[in-house]
Amino acid sequence: MIENILEILRNEDTFNLFSNKISPTIYDIRKLKIKTLPNIKNFLLTHFKQVRDKSSPDSLYYSEAIRLEKFTYRLFKEIEDAKQESNGDDAVIEMYVESIMGFIEDIDIPIINEQISYITS
């Protein structure tokens, strides 16, 4: 997941200011072995905020940091929306299982086995 997010950000980084080989870059997250989405989001937003704080307001770094910070918010919003949509399938499966369990509750298995034995004999 983290590699996909970094690839999306690299494609959005028009001037390669944050995705070049010279540290600090967005790829520094690999060194920290961060795995959860909230931590990935926090790292990226903190990175862009630090660049913004260290740059002058009229510099390219400053404006690109703001742009990528906004893009990161939108990206993670879309990820959250996609996660919520996928939970709909789980609800359908759960309803189906409950329905089947309700159907077989009233079935007397020993009687059915008896009837099957009678028919097959």
C-alpha atoms as a PDB file:
ATOM      1  CA  MET A   1       0.000   0.000   0.000  1.00  0.00           C
ATOM      2  CA  ILE A   2       2.768   2.429   0.922  1.00  0.00           C
ATOM      3  CA  GLU A   3       4.516   1.911  -2.423  1.00  0.00           C
ATOM      4  CA  ASN A   4       1.295   2.704  -4.285  1.00  0.00           C
ATOM      5  CA  ILE A   5       0.849   5.909  -2.288  1.00  0.00           C
ATOM      6  CA  LEU A   6       4.459   6.944  -2.911  1.00  0.00           C
ATOM      7  CA  GLU A   7       4.057   6.247  -6.632  1.00  0.00           C
ATOM      8  CA  ILE A   8       0.936   8.428  -6.794  1.00  0.00           C
ATOM      9  CA  LEU A   9       2.739  11.240  -4.969  1.00  0.00           C
ATOM     10  CA  ARG A  10       5.798  10.879  -7.221  1.00  0.00           C
ATOM     11  CA  ASN A  11       3.572  11.269 -10.281  1.00  0.00           C
ATOM     12  CA  GLU A  12       1.964  14.350  -8.733  1.00  0.00           C
ATOM     13  CA  ASP A  13       5.366  15.871  -7.839  1.00  0.00           C
ATOM     14  CA  THR A  14       5.779  17.850 -11.066  1.00  0.00           C
ATOM     15  CA  PHE A  15       9.278  19.201 -10.389  1.00  0.00           C
ATOM     16  CA  ASN A  16      10.574  16.129  -8.479  1.00  0.00           C
ATOM     17  CA  LEU A  17      11.263  18.304  -5.460  1.00  0.00           C
ATOM     18  CA  PHE A  18      10.046  15.708  -2.977  1.00  0.00           C
ATOM     19  CA  SER A  19      10.699  12.485  -4.862  1.00  0.00           C
ATOM     20  CA  ASN A  20      14.313  12.902  -5.943  1.00  0.00           C
ATOM     21  CA  LYS A  21      17.221  10.874  -4.607  1.00  0.00           C
ATOM     22  CA  ILE A  22      18.534  13.613  -2.311  1.00  0.00           C
ATOM     23  CA  SER A  23      17.182  13.360   1.230  1.00  0.00           C
ATOM     24  CA  PRO A  24      14.845  14.489   2.728  1.00  0.00           C
ATOM     25  CA  THR A  25      12.216  13.057   0.389  1.00  0.00           C
ATOM     26  CA  ILE A  26       8.920  11.261   0.679  1.00  0.00           C
ATOM     27  CA  TYR A  27      10.906   8.017   0.340  1.00  0.00           C
ATOM     28  CA  ASP A  28      12.422   8.517   3.798  1.00  0.00           C
ATOM     29  CA  ILE A  29       9.269   6.834   5.070  1.00  0.00           C
ATOM     30  CA  ARG A  30      10.766   3.485   4.007  1.00  0.00           C
ATOM     31  CA  LYS A  31      13.528   3.851   6.599  1.00  0.00           C
ATOM     32  CA  LEU A  32      10.959   4.197   9.377  1.00  0.00           C
ATOM     33  CA  LYS A  33       9.053   1.048   8.376  1.00  0.00           C
ATOM     34  CA  ILE A  34       5.701   2.756   8.858  1.00  0.00           C
ATOM     35  CA  LYS A  35       2.791   0.462   7.972  1.00  0.00           C
ATOM     36  CA  THR A  36      -0.559   1.961   9.047  1.00  0.00           C
ATOM     37  CA  LEU A  37      -2.449   4.451   6.900  1.00  0.00           C
ATOM     38  CA  PRO A  38      -2.838   7.104   9.626  1.00  0.00           C
ATOM     39  CA  ASN A  39       0.911   7.004  10.312  1.00  0.00           C
ATOM     40  CA  ILE A  40       1.737   7.218   6.603  1.00  0.00           C
ATOM     41  CA  LYS A  41      -0.577  10.204   6.261  1.00  0.00           C
ATOM     42  CA  ASN A  42       0.930  11.908   9.331  1.00  0.00           C
ATOM     43  CA  PHE A  43       4.479  11.375   8.073  1.00  0.00           C
ATOM     44  CA  LEU A  44       3.727  12.841   4.649  1.00  0.00           C
ATOM     45  CA  LEU A  45       1.815  15.830   6.006  1.00  0.00           C
ATOM     46  CA  THR A  46       4.555  16.525   8.552  1.00  0.00           C
ATOM     47  CA  HIS A  47       7.177  16.312   5.807  1.00  0.00           C
ATOM     48  CA  PHE A  48       5.364  18.863   3.641  1.00  0.00           C
ATOM     49  CA  LYS A  49       4.713  21.113   6.649  1.00  0.00           C
ATOM     50  CA  GLN A  50       8.417  21.106   7.577  1.00  0.00           C
ATOM     51  CA  VAL A  51       9.381  22.028   4.016  1.00  0.00           C
ATOM     52  CA  ARG A  52       6.796  24.802   4.053  1.00  0.00           C
ATOM     53  CA  ASP A  53       8.062  26.126   7.396  1.00  0.00           C
ATOM     54  CA  LYS A  54      11.689  26.158   6.216  1.00  0.00           C
ATOM     55  CA  SER A  55      10.972  27.781   2.838  1.00  0.00           C
ATOM     56  CA  SER A  56      10.191  31.371   2.037  1.00  0.00           C
ATOM     57  CA  PRO A  57       6.579  32.006   0.961  1.00  0.00           C
ATOM     58  CA  ASP A  58       7.601  33.050  -2.538  1.00  0.00           C
ATOM     59  CA  SER A  59       9.692  29.948  -3.290  1.00  0.00           C
ATOM     60  CA  LEU A  60       8.795  26.996  -5.479  1.00  0.00           C
ATOM     61  CA  TYR A  61       9.350  24.597  -2.561  1.00  0.00           C
ATOM     62  CA  TYR A  62       6.771  26.473  -0.487  1.00  0.00           C
ATOM     63  CA  SER A  63       4.042  26.434  -3.135  1.00  0.00           C
ATOM     64  CA  GLU A  64       4.705  22.815  -4.093  1.00  0.00           C
ATOM     65  CA  ALA A  65       4.636  21.751  -0.434  1.00  0.00           C
ATOM     66  CA  ILE A  66       1.225  23.384  -0.035  1.00  0.00           C
ATOM     67  CA  ARG A  67      -0.040  21.794  -3.253  1.00  0.00           C
ATOM     68  CA  LEU A  68       1.169  18.313  -2.306  1.00  0.00           C
ATOM     69  CA  GLU A  69      -0.137  18.715   1.238  1.00  0.00           C
ATOM     70  CA  LYS A  70      -3.620  19.419  -0.154  1.00  0.00           C
ATOM     71  CA  PHE A  71      -3.234  16.543  -2.599  1.00  0.00           C
ATOM     72  CA  THR A  72      -2.280  14.215   0.275  1.00  0.00           C
ATOM     73  CA  TYR A  73      -5.440  15.179   2.174  1.00  0.00           C
ATOM     74  CA  ARG A  74      -7.544  14.427  -0.930  1.00  0.00           C
ATOM     75  CA  LEU A  75      -5.716  11.156  -1.592  1.00  0.00           C
ATOM     76  CA  PHE A  76      -6.282   9.822   1.910  1.00  0.00           C
ATOM     77  CA  LYS A  77      -9.916  10.976   1.813  1.00  0.00           C
ATOM     78  CA  GLU A  78     -10.387   8.881  -1.330  1.00  0.00           C
ATOM     79  CA  ILE A  79      -8.671   5.915   0.331  1.00  0.00           C
ATOM     80  CA  GLU A  80     -11.023   6.192   3.326  1.00  0.00           C
ATOM     81  CA  ASP A  81     -14.048   6.443   1.029  1.00  0.00           C
ATOM     82  CA  ALA A  82     -12.923   3.335  -0.855  1.00  0.00           C
ATOM     83  CA  LYS A  83     -12.458   1.440   2.409  1.00  0.00           C
ATOM     84  CA  GLN A  84     -15.993   2.335   3.505  1.00  0.00           C
ATOM     85  CA  GLU A  85     -17.437   1.171   0.182  1.00  0.00           C
ATOM     86  CA  SER A  86     -15.718  -2.207   0.449  1.00  0.00           C
ATOM     87  CA  ASN A  87     -17.336  -2.795   3.844  1.00  0.00           C
ATOM     88  CA  GLY A  88     -20.715  -3.009   2.078  1.00  0.00           C
ATOM     89  CA  ASP A  89     -19.834  -6.450   0.730  1.00  0.00           C
ATOM     90  CA  ASP A  90     -19.114  -7.660   4.237  1.00  0.00           C
ATOM     91  CA  ALA A  91     -22.581  -6.571   5.361  1.00  0.00           C
ATOM     92  CA  VAL A  92     -24.223  -8.475   2.479  1.00  0.00           C
ATOM     93  CA  ILE A  93     -22.250 -11.616   3.302  1.00  0.00           C
ATOM     94  CA  GLU A  94     -23.156 -11.311   6.975  1.00  0.00           C
ATOM     95  CA  MET A  95     -26.873 -10.970   6.123  1.00  0.00           C
ATOM     96  CA  TYR A  96     -26.654 -14.023   3.860  1.00  0.00           C
ATOM     97  CA  VAL A  97     -25.022 -16.116   6.600  1.00  0.00           C
ATOM     98  CA  GLU A  98     -27.665 -15.013   9.128  1.00  0.00           C
ATOM     99  CA  SER A  99     -30.396 -15.912   6.642  1.00  0.00           C
ATOM    100  CA  ILE A 100     -28.985 -19.400   6.086  1.00  0.00           C
ATOM    101  CA  MET A 101     -28.511 -19.933   9.819  1.00  0.00           C
ATOM    102  CA  GLY A 102     -32.132 -18.907  10.402  1.00  0.00           C
ATOM    103  CA  PHE A 103     -33.291 -21.347   7.715  1.00  0.00           C
ATOM    104  CA  ILE A 104     -31.436 -24.375   9.085  1.00  0.00           C
ATOM    105  CA  GLU A 105     -32.357 -23.691  12.728  1.00  0.00           C
ATOM    106  CA  ASP A 106     -35.745 -25.341  12.312  1.00  0.00           C
ATOM    107  CA  ILE A 107     -34.482 -28.376  10.401  1.00  0.00           C
ATOM    108  CA  ASP A 108     -34.265 -31.565  12.418  1.00  0.00           C
ATOM    109  CA  ILE A 109     -31.118 -33.273  11.093  1.00  0.00           C
ATOM    110  CA  PRO A 110     -31.767 -36.737  12.626  1.00  0.00           C
ATOM    111  CA  ILE A 111     -35.208 -36.910  10.986  1.00  0.00           C
ATOM    112  CA  ILE A 112     -33.738 -35.914   7.606  1.00  0.00           C
ATOM    113  CA  ASN A 113     -31.036 -38.586   7.982  1.00  0.00           C
ATOM    114  CA  GLU A 114     -33.753 -41.140   8.783  1.00  0.00           C
ATOM    115  CA  GLN A 115     -35.738 -40.170   5.698  1.00  0.00           C
ATOM    116  CA  ILE A 116     -32.636 -40.355   3.496  1.00  0.00           C
ATOM    117  CA  SER A 117     -31.811 -43.807   4.860  1.00  0.00           C
ATOM    118  CA  TYR A 118     -35.383 -44.982   4.190  1.00  0.00           C
ATOM    119  CA  ILE A 119     -35.355 -43.649   0.623  1.00  0.00           C
ATOM    120  CA  THR A 120     -31.950 -45.095  -0.245  1.00  0.00           C
ATOM    121  CA  SER A 121     -32.651 -48.525   1.232  1.00  0.00           C
END
